[in-house]
Amino acid sequence: MIKKLVVASLLGGVVLFIWSALSWMVFGLQEANLNSFADEDAITEAIRAQAPAPGMYILPGYPEHRPGASAEEIRIAEEVMRERMMQGPHVFASIRLAGTDSLTPFLVRGFIINVISVFFVALLVWKIRSISFTGKVAFTVVFAIAATAAIHLQYWNWWSFSTGYITTSIIDMSIGWFLVGVVLGIVITEKKKYSQVDR
């Protein structure tokens, strides 16, 4: 069991990694869904000036409830936030202030994440290994679509991720995990039980 799970995880991780590389670097599936700012220099300077540390940022931000603030001060701060929400714009951003001269660390971490993800799905497929090859592939794809939709549709709902980006992400994951499902279907099989007649 362990050997098959390890082999399936590694091979599935490799397949998913290769598909991700093709998806982003060759086919450019998300290029049309990612916009650029009109003046990147101005945005860069604004981020450096207004974002003191790397992390997740939202606009409008949550009202600051400083220690000792009165009920009236809290009410005013929350009212300001509501007005800004009505006026817009809304921003949900991940900011990394440091530059990078190599993609290697990201690629290595991405591959490890792929292998770990495939491992957990392989565990589930192992539990249903008696079903057909097609069933294993279908299970893997449906599981991936459900997981991707559950996460990305929340981003669409709450943070206004574009419909194009969400749709492309689901399609992207469906193709990648279909290929993983093929690997799992081939590697994870139930050992044939021979009867006395077969002998």
Protein backbone atom coordinates (compact mmCIF):
# COMPACT_ATOMS: atom_id res chain seq x y z
CA MET A 1 0.00 0.00 0.00
CA ILE A 2 2.62 2.52 1.08
CA LYS A 3 4.75 1.90 -1.99
CA LYS A 4 1.83 2.44 -4.35
CA LEU A 5 0.74 5.60 -2.53
CA VAL A 6 4.26 7.04 -2.68
CA VAL A 7 4.65 6.18 -6.37
CA ALA A 8 1.20 7.55 -7.18
CA SER A 9 1.86 10.75 -5.24
CA LEU A 10 5.22 11.39 -6.90
CA LEU A 11 4.02 10.60 -10.42
CA GLY A 12 0.79 12.54 -9.91
CA GLY A 13 2.75 15.48 -8.49
CA VAL A 14 5.04 15.46 -11.53
CA VAL A 15 2.09 15.34 -13.94
CA LEU A 16 0.28 18.16 -12.11
CA PHE A 17 3.48 20.23 -12.02
CA ILE A 18 4.04 19.79 -15.76
CA TRP A 19 0.44 20.68 -16.55
CA SER A 20 0.65 23.80 -14.37
CA ALA A 21 3.80 24.87 -16.21
CA LEU A 22 2.13 24.34 -19.57
CA SER A 23 -1.04 26.08 -18.42
CA TRP A 24 0.73 29.24 -17.25
CA MET A 25 3.89 29.43 -19.34
CA VAL A 26 2.86 27.92 -22.69
CA PHE A 27 -0.91 28.23 -23.04
CA GLY A 28 -1.26 31.32 -20.84
CA LEU A 29 -4.76 30.37 -19.76
CA GLN A 30 -5.06 33.19 -17.22
CA GLU A 31 -3.36 35.98 -19.18
CA ALA A 32 -6.62 37.49 -20.39
CA ASN A 33 -7.99 37.53 -16.83
CA LEU A 34 -5.11 39.37 -15.17
CA ASN A 35 -5.14 43.14 -15.67
CA SER A 36 -2.29 45.61 -15.30
CA PHE A 37 -2.44 49.03 -13.65
CA ALA A 38 -2.33 52.10 -15.87
CA ASP A 39 0.73 53.45 -14.01
CA GLU A 40 2.68 50.68 -12.29
CA ASP A 41 5.33 53.07 -10.98
CA ALA A 42 2.70 55.15 -9.17
CA ILE A 43 1.07 52.04 -7.71
CA THR A 44 4.46 50.67 -6.63
CA GLU A 45 5.32 53.88 -4.81
CA ALA A 46 1.89 54.01 -3.17
CA ILE A 47 2.24 50.41 -1.94
CA ARG A 48 5.71 51.04 -0.55
CA ALA A 49 4.46 54.15 1.22
CA GLN A 50 1.17 52.78 2.55
CA ALA A 51 1.85 49.06 3.11
CA PRO A 52 4.45 48.91 5.91
CA ALA A 53 4.78 45.13 5.92
CA PRO A 54 4.11 42.21 3.58
CA GLY A 55 0.81 40.41 4.01
CA MET A 56 -2.85 40.55 3.10
CA TYR A 57 -4.51 43.94 2.66
CA ILE A 58 -8.07 45.03 2.03
CA LEU A 59 -9.59 48.34 0.99
CA PRO A 60 -11.57 49.73 2.67
CA GLY A 61 -9.85 48.42 5.75
CA TYR A 62 -11.48 47.34 8.96
CA PRO A 63 -12.10 50.22 11.39
CA GLU A 64 -9.38 50.58 13.99
CA HIS A 65 -10.69 49.98 17.49
CA ARG A 66 -7.91 51.54 19.50
CA PRO A 67 -7.74 50.66 23.20
CA GLY A 68 -9.94 52.94 25.23
CA ALA A 69 -12.00 54.12 22.25
CA SER A 70 -15.46 55.29 23.22
CA ALA A 71 -18.65 53.80 21.80
CA GLU A 72 -19.14 56.98 19.76
CA GLU A 73 -15.62 56.79 18.27
CA ILE A 74 -16.20 53.16 17.33
CA ARG A 75 -19.53 54.04 15.74
CA ILE A 76 -17.96 56.82 13.68
CA ALA A 77 -15.11 54.56 12.51
CA GLU A 78 -17.56 51.88 11.41
CA GLU A 79 -19.71 54.46 9.64
CA VAL A 80 -16.68 55.71 7.70
CA MET A 81 -15.92 52.13 6.64
CA ARG A 82 -19.49 51.59 5.43
CA GLU A 83 -19.39 54.82 3.40
CA ARG A 84 -16.12 53.78 1.78
CA MET A 85 -17.59 50.36 0.96
CA MET A 86 -20.54 52.03 -0.77
CA GLN A 87 -18.30 54.38 -2.74
CA GLY A 88 -15.58 51.88 -3.74
CA PRO A 89 -13.09 50.86 -4.88
CA HIS A 90 -12.75 47.48 -3.16
CA VAL A 91 -9.33 45.83 -3.07
CA PHE A 92 -8.22 42.44 -1.78
CA ALA A 93 -4.48 42.05 -2.26
CA SER A 94 -1.50 39.97 -1.24
CA ILE A 95 1.63 42.11 -1.04
CA ARG A 96 5.20 40.86 -1.05
CA LEU A 97 7.52 43.83 -0.72
CA ALA A 98 10.79 42.01 -1.38
CA GLY A 99 11.87 41.38 -4.95
CA THR A 100 13.04 38.04 -6.33
CA ASP A 101 15.66 37.08 -8.88
CA SER A 102 14.76 33.41 -9.14
CA LEU A 103 11.62 31.33 -9.51
CA THR A 104 13.34 28.21 -8.17
CA PRO A 105 12.05 28.45 -4.57
CA PHE A 106 8.50 28.94 -5.82
CA LEU A 107 8.78 26.02 -8.24
CA VAL A 108 10.19 23.71 -5.56
CA ARG A 109 7.48 24.64 -3.07
CA GLY A 110 4.84 24.29 -5.79
CA PHE A 111 6.02 20.78 -6.63
CA ILE A 112 5.99 19.75 -2.96
CA ILE A 113 2.47 21.14 -2.56
CA ASN A 114 1.38 19.15 -5.63
CA VAL A 115 2.82 15.91 -4.27
CA ILE A 116 1.18 16.39 -0.86
CA SER A 117 -2.16 17.24 -2.48
CA VAL A 118 -2.03 14.18 -4.71
CA PHE A 119 -1.10 12.03 -1.73
CA PHE A 120 -4.30 12.91 0.14
CA VAL A 121 -6.45 12.26 -2.93
CA ALA A 122 -4.55 9.00 -3.52
CA LEU A 123 -5.51 7.92 0.00
CA LEU A 124 -9.17 8.38 -0.89
CA VAL A 125 -8.77 6.55 -4.20
CA TRP A 126 -7.04 3.71 -2.34
CA LYS A 127 -10.20 3.27 -0.28
CA ILE A 128 -12.25 2.78 -3.45
CA ARG A 129 -9.58 0.95 -5.46
CA SER A 130 -11.99 -1.83 -6.36
CA ILE A 131 -13.94 0.45 -8.70
CA SER A 132 -13.10 0.74 -12.39
CA PHE A 133 -10.32 2.81 -13.91
CA THR A 134 -12.91 5.23 -15.28
CA GLY A 135 -14.50 5.50 -11.85
CA LYS A 136 -11.20 6.45 -10.25
CA VAL A 137 -10.56 9.13 -12.85
CA ALA A 138 -14.09 10.48 -12.48
CA PHE A 139 -13.81 10.52 -8.68
CA THR A 140 -10.53 12.45 -8.84
CA VAL A 141 -11.90 15.04 -11.28
CA VAL A 142 -15.16 15.57 -9.35
CA PHE A 143 -13.23 15.89 -6.08
CA ALA A 144 -10.91 18.48 -7.64
CA ILE A 145 -13.77 20.46 -9.18
CA ALA A 146 -15.67 20.49 -5.88
CA ALA A 147 -12.61 21.61 -3.90
CA THR A 148 -11.66 24.28 -6.43
CA ALA A 149 -15.20 25.61 -6.72
CA ALA A 150 -15.69 25.67 -2.95
CA ILE A 151 -12.67 27.93 -2.56
CA HIS A 152 -12.71 30.04 -5.70
CA LEU A 153 -16.45 30.74 -5.75
CA GLN A 154 -16.10 32.23 -2.28
CA TYR A 155 -13.40 34.54 -3.68
CA TRP A 156 -15.78 35.45 -6.51
CA ASN A 157 -18.61 36.10 -4.05
CA TRP A 158 -16.77 38.06 -1.36
CA TRP A 159 -13.75 39.58 -3.07
CA SER A 160 -15.04 40.09 -6.64
CA PHE A 161 -12.58 37.76 -8.35
CA SER A 162 -13.60 37.94 -12.00
CA THR A 163 -15.89 35.31 -13.49
CA GLY A 164 -13.29 34.68 -16.19
CA TYR A 165 -10.56 34.02 -13.65
CA ILE A 166 -12.75 31.66 -11.60
CA THR A 167 -14.01 29.77 -14.66
CA THR A 168 -10.51 29.39 -16.07
CA SER A 169 -9.19 28.21 -12.70
CA ILE A 170 -11.85 25.50 -12.50
CA ILE A 171 -11.12 24.39 -16.07
CA ASP A 172 -7.38 24.46 -15.39
CA MET A 173 -7.75 22.32 -12.26
CA SER A 174 -10.14 19.95 -14.01
CA ILE A 175 -7.61 19.20 -16.75
CA GLY A 176 -4.70 18.88 -14.35
CA TRP A 177 -6.55 16.56 -11.99
CA PHE A 178 -7.96 14.54 -14.86
CA LEU A 179 -4.36 13.72 -15.74
CA VAL A 180 -3.66 12.95 -12.08
CA GLY A 181 -6.73 10.70 -12.05
CA VAL A 182 -5.31 8.74 -14.97
CA VAL A 183 -2.09 8.22 -13.01
CA LEU A 184 -3.96 7.14 -9.89
CA GLY A 185 -6.16 4.82 -11.92
CA ILE A 186 -3.13 3.09 -13.37
CA VAL A 187 -1.02 2.88 -10.21
CA ILE A 188 -3.64 2.22 -7.54
CA THR A 189 -5.20 -1.11 -8.36
CA GLU A 190 -6.65 -3.89 -6.28
CA LYS A 191 -4.53 -6.99 -6.15
CA LYS A 192 -6.28 -9.78 -8.02
CA LYS A 193 -7.55 -12.57 -5.81
CA TYR A 194 -7.03 -15.96 -7.33
CA SER A 195 -9.53 -18.67 -6.63
CA GLN A 196 -8.74 -22.35 -6.34
CA VAL A 197 -10.10 -22.81 -9.87
CA ASP A 198 -7.63 -20.22 -11.23
CA ARG A 199 -4.80 -22.22 -9.72
